[in-house]
PDB file of N, CA and C in Angstrom:
ATOM      1  N   ALA A   1      -9.456 -17.687  22.594  1.00  0.00           N
ATOM      2  CA  ALA A   1      -8.507 -17.948  22.918  1.00  0.00           C
ATOM      3  C   ALA A   1      -7.930 -16.882  22.420  1.00  0.00           C
ATOM      4  N   LEU A   2      -6.571 -16.207  23.048  1.00  0.00           N
ATOM      5  CA  LEU A   2      -5.638 -14.969  22.879  1.00  0.00           C
ATOM      6  C   LEU A   2      -4.586 -15.842  22.012  1.00  0.00           C
ATOM      7  N   VAL A   3      -3.931 -17.098  22.155  1.00  0.00           N
ATOM      8  CA  VAL A   3      -3.027 -17.420  20.984  1.00  0.00           C
ATOM      9  C   VAL A   3      -2.914 -18.951  21.493  1.00  0.00           C
ATOM     10  N   ALA A   4      -2.476 -20.239  20.878  1.00  0.00           N
ATOM     11  CA  ALA A   4      -2.271 -21.227  21.132  1.00  0.00           C
ATOM     12  C   ALA A   4      -0.592 -21.838  20.544  1.00  0.00           C
ATOM     13  N   PHE A   5      -0.099 -23.044  21.010  1.00  0.00           N
ATOM     14  CA  PHE A   5       0.831 -24.029  19.856  1.00  0.00           C
ATOM     15  C   PHE A   5       0.703 -24.900  19.779  1.00  0.00           C
ATOM     16  N   GLY A   6       1.230 -25.483  19.371  1.00  0.00           N
ATOM     17  CA  GLY A   6       1.002 -26.738  18.442  1.00  0.00           C
ATOM     18  C   GLY A   6       2.328 -27.491  17.709  1.00  0.00           C
ATOM     19  N   ALA A   7       1.913 -28.354  17.323  1.00  0.00           N
ATOM     20  CA  ALA A   7       3.070 -29.209  17.433  1.00  0.00           C
ATOM     21  C   ALA A   7       2.639 -30.641  16.314  1.00  0.00           C
ATOM     22  N   ALA A   8       3.746 -30.918  15.064  1.00  0.00           N
ATOM     23  CA  ALA A   8       2.695 -31.500  14.382  1.00  0.00           C
ATOM     24  C   ALA A   8       4.706 -32.262  14.024  1.00  0.00           C
ATOM     25  N   ALA A   9       4.082 -33.444  13.317  1.00  0.00           N
ATOM     26  CA  ALA A   9       5.488 -33.760  12.794  1.00  0.00           C
ATOM     27  C   ALA A   9       6.911 -33.509  12.430  1.00  0.00           C
ATOM     28  N   LYS A  10       6.561 -32.054  11.247  1.00  0.00           N
ATOM     29  CA  LYS A  10       7.938 -31.760  10.755  1.00  0.00           C
ATOM     30  C   LYS A  10       7.613 -30.371  11.853  1.00  0.00           C
ATOM     31  N   HIS A  11       6.884 -30.078  12.150  1.00  0.00           N
ATOM     32  CA  HIS A  11       7.072 -28.580  12.309  1.00  0.00           C
ATOM     33  C   HIS A  11       6.477 -27.842  13.855  1.00  0.00           C
ATOM     34  N   CYS A  12       6.226 -27.356  14.548  1.00  0.00           N
ATOM     35  CA  CYS A  12       5.925 -26.396  15.793  1.00  0.00           C
ATOM     36  C   CYS A  12       4.802 -24.667  15.364  1.00  0.00           C
ATOM     37  N   ALA A  13       3.868 -24.678  15.844  1.00  0.00           N
ATOM     38  CA  ALA A  13       3.136 -23.683  14.500  1.00  0.00           C
ATOM     39  C   ALA A  13       2.881 -22.719  16.650  1.00  0.00           C
ATOM     40  N   PHE A  14       2.919 -21.940  15.856  1.00  0.00           N
ATOM     41  CA  PHE A  14       1.961 -20.369  16.742  1.00  0.00           C
ATOM     42  C   PHE A  14       1.125 -20.264  16.414  1.00  0.00           C
ATOM     43  N   TYR A  15       0.046 -20.459  17.110  1.00  0.00           N
ATOM     44  CA  TYR A  15      -1.579 -19.394  16.635  1.00  0.00           C
ATOM     45  C   TYR A  15      -1.822 -18.333  16.887  1.00  0.00           C
ATOM     46  N   PRO A  16      -1.787 -17.102  16.084  1.00  0.00           N
ATOM     47  CA  PRO A  16      -2.149 -16.490  16.993  1.00  0.00           C
ATOM     48  C   PRO A  16      -3.777 -16.007  17.041  1.00  0.00           C
ATOM     49  N   MET A  17      -4.695 -16.814  16.095  1.00  0.00           N
ATOM     50  CA  MET A  17      -5.605 -16.437  16.323  1.00  0.00           C
ATOM     51  C   MET A  17      -7.062 -15.417  15.674  1.00  0.00           C
ATOM     52  N   SER A  18      -5.312 -14.790  14.440  1.00  0.00           N
ATOM     53  CA  SER A  18      -5.841 -13.612  14.751  1.00  0.00           C
ATOM     54  C   SER A  18      -5.256 -13.388  12.690  1.00  0.00           C
ATOM     55  N   ALA A  19      -5.613 -12.827  11.654  1.00  0.00           N
ATOM     56  CA  ALA A  19      -4.440 -12.922  10.378  1.00  0.00           C
ATOM     57  C   ALA A  19      -4.867 -12.170  10.193  1.00  0.00           C
ATOM     58  N   ALA A  20      -5.359 -10.406  11.103  1.00  0.00           N
ATOM     59  CA  ALA A  20      -4.902  -9.334  10.964  1.00  0.00           C
ATOM     60  C   ALA A  20      -3.272  -9.049  11.838  1.00  0.00           C
ATOM     61  N   THR A  21      -3.323 -10.002  13.012  1.00  0.00           N
ATOM     62  CA  THR A  21      -2.070  -9.323  13.660  1.00  0.00           C
ATOM     63  C   THR A  21      -0.839 -10.480  12.668  1.00  0.00           C
ATOM     64  N   VAL A  22      -1.615 -11.906  11.849  1.00  0.00           N
ATOM     65  CA  VAL A  22       0.637 -12.201  11.150  1.00  0.00           C
ATOM     66  C   VAL A  22       0.756 -11.127   9.843  1.00  0.00           C
ATOM     67  N   ALA A  23      -0.713 -10.442   9.707  1.00  0.00           N
ATOM     68  CA  ALA A  23      -0.262  -9.488   8.710  1.00  0.00           C
ATOM     69  C   ALA A  23       1.055  -8.427   9.043  1.00  0.00           C
ATOM     70  N   GLU A  24       0.325  -8.304  10.280  1.00  0.00           N
ATOM     71  CA  GLU A  24       0.537  -6.801  10.572  1.00  0.00           C
ATOM     72  C   GLU A  24       2.018  -6.809  11.291  1.00  0.00           C
ATOM     73  N   HIS A  25       2.308  -8.220  11.206  1.00  0.00           N
ATOM     74  CA  HIS A  25       3.471  -8.326  11.242  1.00  0.00           C
ATOM     75  C   HIS A  25       4.690  -9.069  10.490  1.00  0.00           C
ATOM     76  N   ALA A  26       4.251  -9.248   8.607  1.00  0.00           N
ATOM     77  CA  ALA A  26       4.674  -9.466   7.919  1.00  0.00           C
ATOM     78  C   ALA A  26       6.164  -9.851   7.687  1.00  0.00           C
ATOM     79  N   ASP A  27       6.628  -8.678   8.060  1.00  0.00           N
ATOM     80  CA  ASP A  27       7.998  -7.825   7.528  1.00  0.00           C
ATOM     81  C   ASP A  27       8.710  -9.056   8.538  1.00  0.00           C
ATOM     82  N   GLU A  28       8.485  -8.884  10.224  1.00  0.00           N
ATOM     83  CA  GLU A  28       9.119  -9.471  11.195  1.00  0.00           C
ATOM     84  C   GLU A  28       8.986 -11.124  11.261  1.00  0.00           C
ATOM     85  N   LEU A  29       8.175 -11.412  10.425  1.00  0.00           N
ATOM     86  CA  LEU A  29       7.870 -13.159  10.101  1.00  0.00           C
ATOM     87  C   LEU A  29       8.114 -13.853   8.865  1.00  0.00           C
ATOM     88  N   ALA A  30       8.872 -12.413   8.174  1.00  0.00           N
ATOM     89  CA  ALA A  30       9.663 -12.909   6.558  1.00  0.00           C
ATOM     90  C   ALA A  30       9.592 -14.538   6.630  1.00  0.00           C
ATOM     91  N   GLU A  31      10.617 -14.653   7.806  1.00  0.00           N
ATOM     92  CA  GLU A  31      11.971 -15.794   7.923  1.00  0.00           C
ATOM     93  C   GLU A  31      10.915 -17.387   7.888  1.00  0.00           C
ATOM     94  N   PHE A  32       9.677 -16.931   8.369  1.00  0.00           N
ATOM     95  CA  PHE A  32       8.903 -18.718   9.186  1.00  0.00           C
ATOM     96  C   PHE A  32       7.769 -18.853   7.399  1.00  0.00           C
ATOM     97  N   SER A  33       7.101 -20.006   8.076  1.00  0.00           N
ATOM     98  CA  SER A  33       6.314 -20.119   7.352  1.00  0.00           C
ATOM     99  C   SER A  33       5.009 -19.324   7.605  1.00  0.00           C
ATOM    100  N   THR A  34       4.106 -18.777   6.929  1.00  0.00           N
ATOM    101  CA  THR A  34       3.102 -18.516   7.653  1.00  0.00           C
ATOM    102  C   THR A  34       1.452 -18.240   6.787  1.00  0.00           C
ATOM    103  N   SER A  35      -0.430 -18.571   7.428  1.00  0.00           N
ATOM    104  CA  SER A  35      -1.360 -18.735   6.544  1.00  0.00           C
ATOM    105  C   SER A  35      -1.837 -17.639   7.435  1.00  0.00           C
ATOM    106  N   LYS A  36      -3.059 -17.913   7.298  1.00  0.00           N
ATOM    107  CA  LYS A  36      -3.746 -16.667   7.478  1.00  0.00           C
ATOM    108  C   LYS A  36      -3.551 -17.049   9.163  1.00  0.00           C
ATOM    109  N   GLY A  37      -3.732 -17.183   9.971  1.00  0.00           N
ATOM    110  CA  GLY A  37      -3.686 -17.102  11.618  1.00  0.00           C
ATOM    111  C   GLY A  37      -2.475 -18.287  12.035  1.00  0.00           C
ATOM    112  N   THR A  38      -1.554 -18.876  11.104  1.00  0.00           N
ATOM    113  CA  THR A  38      -0.701 -19.428  11.944  1.00  0.00           C
ATOM    114  C   THR A  38       0.675 -19.107  11.175  1.00  0.00           C
ATOM    115  N   ILE A  39       1.740 -19.210  12.554  1.00  0.00           N
ATOM    116  CA  ILE A  39       3.177 -19.171  12.039  1.00  0.00           C
ATOM    117  C   ILE A  39       3.551 -20.457  12.691  1.00  0.00           C
ATOM    118  N   ARG A  40       4.411 -21.272  11.350  1.00  0.00           N
ATOM    119  CA  ARG A  40       5.305 -22.428  11.889  1.00  0.00           C
ATOM    120  C   ARG A  40       6.566 -22.140  11.390  1.00  0.00           C
ATOM    121  N   PHE A  41       6.840 -23.062  12.300  1.00  0.00           N
ATOM    122  CA  PHE A  41       8.950 -23.017  12.698  1.00  0.00           C
ATOM    123  C   PHE A  41       8.661 -24.202  12.833  1.00  0.00           C
ATOM    124  N   GLN A  42      10.235 -24.672  13.217  1.00  0.00           N
ATOM    125  CA  GLN A  42      11.208 -25.578  13.238  1.00  0.00           C
ATOM    126  C   GLN A  42      11.434 -25.790  14.417  1.00  0.00           C
ATOM    127  N   PRO A  43      11.686 -26.600  15.056  1.00  0.00           N
ATOM    128  CA  PRO A  43      12.257 -26.657  16.581  1.00  0.00           C
ATOM    129  C   PRO A  43      13.910 -26.458  16.637  1.00  0.00           C
ATOM    130  N   GLY A  44      14.327 -26.584  16.071  1.00  0.00           N
ATOM    131  CA  GLY A  44      15.681 -26.021  15.790  1.00  0.00           C
ATOM    132  C   GLY A  44      15.841 -24.582  15.538  1.00  0.00           C
ATOM    133  N   LYS A  45      14.894 -23.856  14.700  1.00  0.00           N
ATOM    134  CA  LYS A  45      14.636 -22.265  15.124  1.00  0.00           C
ATOM    135  C   LYS A  45      13.526 -21.486  15.531  1.00  0.00           C
ATOM    136  N   PRO A  46      13.688 -21.945  16.805  1.00  0.00           N
ATOM    137  CA  PRO A  46      11.827 -21.083  17.424  1.00  0.00           C
ATOM    138  C   PRO A  46      11.997 -20.098  17.113  1.00  0.00           C
ATOM    139  N   LEU A  47      10.187 -19.513  17.406  1.00  0.00           N
ATOM    140  CA  LEU A  47      10.615 -18.480  17.157  1.00  0.00           C
ATOM    141  C   LEU A  47      10.976 -17.421  18.283  1.00  0.00           C
ATOM    142  N   PRO A  48      11.880 -15.810  17.867  1.00  0.00           N
ATOM    143  CA  PRO A  48      12.083 -15.460  18.414  1.00  0.00           C
ATOM    144  C   PRO A  48      11.059 -14.794  20.447  1.00  0.00           C
ATOM    145  N   MET A  49      11.758 -15.254  21.245  1.00  0.00           N
ATOM    146  CA  MET A  49      10.997 -14.934  22.406  1.00  0.00           C
ATOM    147  C   MET A  49      10.523 -13.055  22.534  1.00  0.00           C
ATOM    148  N   ALA A  50      10.795 -12.228  22.056  1.00  0.00           N
ATOM    149  CA  ALA A  50      10.245 -11.047  21.891  1.00  0.00           C
ATOM    150  C   ALA A  50       9.497 -10.695  20.496  1.00  0.00           C
ATOM    151  N   LEU A  51       9.470 -11.497  19.765  1.00  0.00           N
ATOM    152  CA  LEU A  51       8.780 -11.105  18.697  1.00  0.00           C
ATOM    153  C   LEU A  51       7.246 -11.914  19.298  1.00  0.00           C
ATOM    154  N   ILE A  52       7.633 -13.221  20.022  1.00  0.00           N
ATOM    155  CA  ILE A  52       6.194 -14.335  20.749  1.00  0.00           C
ATOM    156  C   ILE A  52       5.345 -12.825  21.862  1.00  0.00           C
ATOM    157  N   ARG A  53       5.745 -11.865  22.386  1.00  0.00           N
ATOM    158  CA  ARG A  53       5.562 -10.918  23.085  1.00  0.00           C
ATOM    159  C   ARG A  53       4.791  -9.756  22.560  1.00  0.00           C
ATOM    160  N   ARG A  54       5.638  -9.232  20.870  1.00  0.00           N
ATOM    161  CA  ARG A  54       4.913  -8.031  21.191  1.00  0.00           C
ATOM    162  C   ARG A  54       3.251  -8.931  20.314  1.00  0.00           C
ATOM    163  N   LEU A  55       3.930  -9.863  19.481  1.00  0.00           N
ATOM    164  CA  LEU A  55       2.216 -10.951  18.903  1.00  0.00           C
ATOM    165  C   LEU A  55       1.487 -10.734  19.259  1.00  0.00           C
ATOM    166  N   VAL A  56       1.203 -11.458  20.743  1.00  0.00           N
ATOM    167  CA  VAL A  56       0.598 -11.596  21.994  1.00  0.00           C
ATOM    168  C   VAL A  56       0.403  -9.901  22.326  1.00  0.00           C
ATOM    169  N   ARG A  57       0.921  -9.399  22.634  1.00  0.00           N
ATOM    170  CA  ARG A  57       0.713  -7.622  22.484  1.00  0.00           C
ATOM    171  C   ARG A  57      -0.165  -7.427  21.594  1.00  0.00           C
ATOM    172  N   ALA A  58      -0.388  -7.373  20.549  1.00  0.00           N
ATOM    173  CA  ALA A  58      -1.192  -7.093  19.662  1.00  0.00           C
ATOM    174  C   ALA A  58      -2.457  -7.336  19.494  1.00  0.00           C
ATOM    175  N   ARG A  59      -2.733  -9.327  19.906  1.00  0.00           N
ATOM    176  CA  ARG A  59      -3.766  -9.892  20.061  1.00  0.00           C
ATOM    177  C   ARG A  59      -4.356  -9.024  20.879  1.00  0.00           C
ATOM    178  N   ILE A  60      -3.679  -9.311  21.593  1.00  0.00           N
ATOM    179  CA  ILE A  60      -4.850  -8.521  23.528  1.00  0.00           C
ATOM    180  C   ILE A  60      -5.476  -6.621  23.560  1.00  0.00           C
ATOM    181  N   ALA A  61      -4.658  -6.234  21.989  1.00  0.00           N
ATOM    182  CA  ALA A  61      -4.844  -5.167  21.776  1.00  0.00           C
ATOM    183  C   ALA A  61      -6.121  -5.161  20.804  1.00  0.00           C
ATOM    184  N   GLU A  62      -5.647  -6.119  20.204  1.00  0.00           N
ATOM    185  CA  GLU A  62      -6.951  -6.334  19.111  1.00  0.00           C
ATOM    186  C   GLU A  62      -8.689  -6.611  19.947  1.00  0.00           C
ATOM    187  N   ILE A  63      -8.399  -8.170  20.590  1.00  0.00           N
ATOM    188  CA  ILE A  63      -9.352  -7.754  20.975  1.00  0.00           C
ATOM    189  C   ILE A  63     -10.073  -7.086  22.068  1.00  0.00           C
ATOM    190  N   ARG A  64      -9.281  -6.214  23.043  1.00  0.00           N
ATOM    191  CA  ARG A  64      -9.281  -5.144  23.776  1.00  0.00           C
ATOM    192  C   ARG A  64     -10.637  -4.408  23.073  1.00  0.00           C
ATOM    193  N   ALA A  65      -9.893  -3.698  21.435  1.00  0.00           N
ATOM    194  CA  ALA A  65     -10.725  -2.523  21.028  1.00  0.00           C
ATOM    195  C   ALA A  65     -11.717  -3.539  20.149  1.00  0.00           C
ATOM    196  N   ARG A  66     -12.272  -4.799  20.520  1.00  0.00           N
ATOM    197  CA  ARG A  66     -13.764  -5.404  19.873  1.00  0.00           C
ATOM    198  C   ARG A  66     -14.720  -4.155  20.725  1.00  0.00           C
ATOM    199  N   PRO A  67     -15.759  -3.949  19.951  1.00  0.00           N
ATOM    200  CA  PRO A  67     -16.933  -3.891  20.630  1.00  0.00           C
ATOM    201  C   PRO A  67     -17.640  -3.710  21.975  1.00  0.00           C
TER     202      PRO A  67
END
């Protein structure tokens, strides 16, 4: 999978399916709760679309770089 979104009772989540992608964008994600491959956010304060695009592009580049 490239990326995924999810929703729980108290938050939403974006899953870039890659700890490297999350780590690579740590500065931009500082205001959000993150773990290895998960970025959690509140429905009222979603991830900015520009950030989502950067994360998806980084993920595509990571997948294309695989041998």
